[in-house]
């Protein structure tokens, strides 16, 4: 079985028909403290109908700059187009993708 680091280093497909941003509440330990934090797991559906793990990202910021940086990272890993993004309640993630598409 491949490690998470190996999976995250793989080249991604150029196009995803749908990308799901699934919110998960996670207990994160930082400096002897455990706190609940939102984490988004990105799963993409490519044109061949295959699901692919894109990444998991903590959401501890209140601006879209964080998500812009993540989409830049995804672009450098090979993604050129995301047709539809499914995300429940993260306005910063939605705005970052809209802004990123306009660049």
C-alpha atoms as a PDB file:
ATOM      1  CA  UNK A   1       0.000   0.000   0.000  1.00  0.00           C
ATOM      2  CA  UNK A   2       1.311   3.437  -0.918  1.00  0.00           C
ATOM      3  CA  UNK A   3       1.887   6.093   1.735  1.00  0.00           C
ATOM      4  CA  UNK A   4      -0.051   9.356   1.822  1.00  0.00           C
ATOM      5  CA  UNK A   5       3.096  11.258   0.804  1.00  0.00           C
ATOM      6  CA  UNK A   6       3.480   9.072  -2.309  1.00  0.00           C
ATOM      7  CA  UNK A   7      -0.167   9.597  -3.219  1.00  0.00           C
ATOM      8  CA  UNK A   8       0.098  13.376  -2.831  1.00  0.00           C
ATOM      9  CA  UNK A   9       3.246  13.503  -5.003  1.00  0.00           C
ATOM     10  CA  UNK A  10       1.572  11.822  -8.001  1.00  0.00           C
ATOM     11  CA  UNK A  11       0.717  13.838 -11.090  1.00  0.00           C
ATOM     12  CA  UNK A  12      -2.955  14.738 -11.325  1.00  0.00           C
ATOM     13  CA  UNK A  13      -5.225  14.587 -14.374  1.00  0.00           C
ATOM     14  CA  UNK A  14      -5.595  17.719 -16.501  1.00  0.00           C
ATOM     15  CA  UNK A  15      -9.371  17.889 -16.192  1.00  0.00           C
ATOM     16  CA  UNK A  16     -11.889  16.977 -13.513  1.00  0.00           C
ATOM     17  CA  UNK A  17     -15.597  17.006 -14.289  1.00  0.00           C
ATOM     18  CA  UNK A  18     -16.492  17.302 -10.616  1.00  0.00           C
ATOM     19  CA  UNK A  19     -14.338  18.047  -7.614  1.00  0.00           C
ATOM     20  CA  UNK A  20     -15.873  17.349  -4.235  1.00  0.00           C
ATOM     21  CA  UNK A  21     -14.684  19.289  -1.198  1.00  0.00           C
ATOM     22  CA  UNK A  22     -15.835  17.107   1.693  1.00  0.00           C
ATOM     23  CA  UNK A  23     -15.751  18.789   5.086  1.00  0.00           C
ATOM     24  CA  UNK A  24     -14.615  16.654   8.009  1.00  0.00           C
ATOM     25  CA  UNK A  25     -14.316  17.735  11.638  1.00  0.00           C
ATOM     26  CA  UNK A  26     -10.911  16.585  12.855  1.00  0.00           C
ATOM     27  CA  UNK A  27      -9.144  16.683  16.206  1.00  0.00           C
ATOM     28  CA  UNK A  28      -5.795  18.364  15.556  1.00  0.00           C
ATOM     29  CA  UNK A  29      -2.979  18.376  18.092  1.00  0.00           C
ATOM     30  CA  UNK A  30      -0.785  21.487  18.204  1.00  0.00           C
ATOM     31  CA  UNK A  31       1.667  22.101  21.016  1.00  0.00           C
ATOM     32  CA  UNK A  32       0.045  19.837  23.627  1.00  0.00           C
ATOM     33  CA  UNK A  33      -3.442  21.123  22.811  1.00  0.00           C
ATOM     34  CA  UNK A  34      -6.133  19.282  20.908  1.00  0.00           C
ATOM     35  CA  UNK A  35      -8.786  21.305  19.127  1.00  0.00           C
ATOM     36  CA  UNK A  36     -11.498  20.595  16.604  1.00  0.00           C
ATOM     37  CA  UNK A  37     -10.800  21.966  13.177  1.00  0.00           C
ATOM     38  CA  UNK A  38     -12.423  21.739   9.768  1.00  0.00           C
ATOM     39  CA  UNK A  39     -10.528  19.741   7.185  1.00  0.00           C
ATOM     40  CA  UNK A  40     -11.499  19.509   3.531  1.00  0.00           C
ATOM     41  CA  UNK A  41     -10.748  16.359   1.557  1.00  0.00           C
ATOM     42  CA  UNK A  42     -10.720  17.006  -2.190  1.00  0.00           C
ATOM     43  CA  UNK A  43     -11.843  14.143  -4.427  1.00  0.00           C
ATOM     44  CA  UNK A  44     -11.946  14.568  -8.203  1.00  0.00           C
ATOM     45  CA  UNK A  45     -13.954  12.707 -10.837  1.00  0.00           C
ATOM     46  CA  UNK A  46     -12.034  12.614 -14.134  1.00  0.00           C
ATOM     47  CA  UNK A  47     -13.649  12.377 -17.616  1.00  0.00           C
ATOM     48  CA  UNK A  48     -13.205   8.583 -17.583  1.00  0.00           C
ATOM     49  CA  UNK A  49     -15.388   8.394 -14.474  1.00  0.00           C
ATOM     50  CA  UNK A  50     -12.600   7.507 -12.055  1.00  0.00           C
ATOM     51  CA  UNK A  51     -12.367   9.068  -8.624  1.00  0.00           C
ATOM     52  CA  UNK A  52      -9.009  10.383  -7.553  1.00  0.00           C
ATOM     53  CA  UNK A  53      -7.781  11.664  -4.207  1.00  0.00           C
ATOM     54  CA  UNK A  54      -6.564  15.227  -4.699  1.00  0.00           C
ATOM     55  CA  UNK A  55      -5.553  16.225  -1.176  1.00  0.00           C
ATOM     56  CA  UNK A  56      -6.596  17.038   2.378  1.00  0.00           C
ATOM     57  CA  UNK A  57      -6.357  20.597   3.666  1.00  0.00           C
ATOM     58  CA  UNK A  58      -6.982  22.175   7.057  1.00  0.00           C
ATOM     59  CA  UNK A  59      -9.287  25.162   6.984  1.00  0.00           C
ATOM     60  CA  UNK A  60      -8.092  27.428   9.765  1.00  0.00           C
ATOM     61  CA  UNK A  61      -8.060  30.702   7.891  1.00  0.00           C
ATOM     62  CA  UNK A  62     -10.729  33.285   7.172  1.00  0.00           C
ATOM     63  CA  UNK A  63      -9.696  34.502   3.732  1.00  0.00           C
ATOM     64  CA  UNK A  64      -9.501  33.138   0.214  1.00  0.00           C
ATOM     65  CA  UNK A  65      -5.715  33.645  -0.163  1.00  0.00           C
ATOM     66  CA  UNK A  66      -5.124  30.254   1.479  1.00  0.00           C
ATOM     67  CA  UNK A  67      -7.342  28.528  -1.085  1.00  0.00           C
ATOM     68  CA  UNK A  68      -5.800  30.489  -3.960  1.00  0.00           C
ATOM     69  CA  UNK A  69      -2.421  29.073  -2.929  1.00  0.00           C
ATOM     70  CA  UNK A  70      -3.871  25.566  -2.839  1.00  0.00           C
ATOM     71  CA  UNK A  71      -5.324  25.922  -6.346  1.00  0.00           C
ATOM     72  CA  UNK A  72      -1.930  27.195  -7.545  1.00  0.00           C
ATOM     73  CA  UNK A  73      -0.345  24.048  -6.079  1.00  0.00           C
ATOM     74  CA  UNK A  74      -2.940  21.898  -7.833  1.00  0.00           C
ATOM     75  CA  UNK A  75      -2.239  23.730 -11.085  1.00  0.00           C
ATOM     76  CA  UNK A  76       1.475  22.973 -10.708  1.00  0.00           C
ATOM     77  CA  UNK A  77       0.565  19.292 -10.211  1.00  0.00           C
ATOM     78  CA  UNK A  78      -1.144  19.214 -13.623  1.00  0.00           C
ATOM     79  CA  UNK A  79      -4.766  20.322 -13.164  1.00  0.00           C
ATOM     80  CA  UNK A  80      -5.888  22.670 -15.929  1.00  0.00           C
ATOM     81  CA  UNK A  81      -9.663  22.583 -15.605  1.00  0.00           C
ATOM     82  CA  UNK A  82     -12.311  21.905 -12.951  1.00  0.00           C
ATOM     83  CA  UNK A  83     -15.786  21.941 -14.482  1.00  0.00           C
ATOM     84  CA  UNK A  84     -17.838  21.823 -11.292  1.00  0.00           C
ATOM     85  CA  UNK A  85     -16.857  22.239  -7.626  1.00  0.00           C
ATOM     86  CA  UNK A  86     -19.144  20.768  -4.989  1.00  0.00           C
ATOM     87  CA  UNK A  87     -18.620  22.410  -1.596  1.00  0.00           C
ATOM     88  CA  UNK A  88     -21.151  22.939   1.169  1.00  0.00           C
ATOM     89  CA  UNK A  89     -20.437  26.022   3.175  1.00  0.00           C
ATOM     90  CA  UNK A  90     -16.966  27.437   2.549  1.00  0.00           C
ATOM     91  CA  UNK A  91     -17.365  30.807   0.851  1.00  0.00           C
ATOM     92  CA  UNK A  92     -13.583  31.340   0.784  1.00  0.00           C
ATOM     93  CA  UNK A  93     -13.003  28.144  -1.181  1.00  0.00           C
ATOM     94  CA  UNK A  94     -15.762  29.055  -3.661  1.00  0.00           C
ATOM     95  CA  UNK A  95     -14.458  32.599  -4.137  1.00  0.00           C
ATOM     96  CA  UNK A  96     -10.874  31.416  -4.559  1.00  0.00           C
ATOM     97  CA  UNK A  97     -11.875  29.068  -7.377  1.00  0.00           C
ATOM     98  CA  UNK A  98     -13.898  31.811  -9.126  1.00  0.00           C
ATOM     99  CA  UNK A  99     -10.956  34.197  -8.844  1.00  0.00           C
ATOM    100  CA  UNK A 100      -8.498  31.526  -9.980  1.00  0.00           C
ATOM    101  CA  UNK A 101     -10.535  30.745 -13.092  1.00  0.00           C
ATOM    102  CA  UNK A 102     -10.537  34.429 -14.082  1.00  0.00           C
ATOM    103  CA  UNK A 103      -6.714  34.671 -13.957  1.00  0.00           C
END
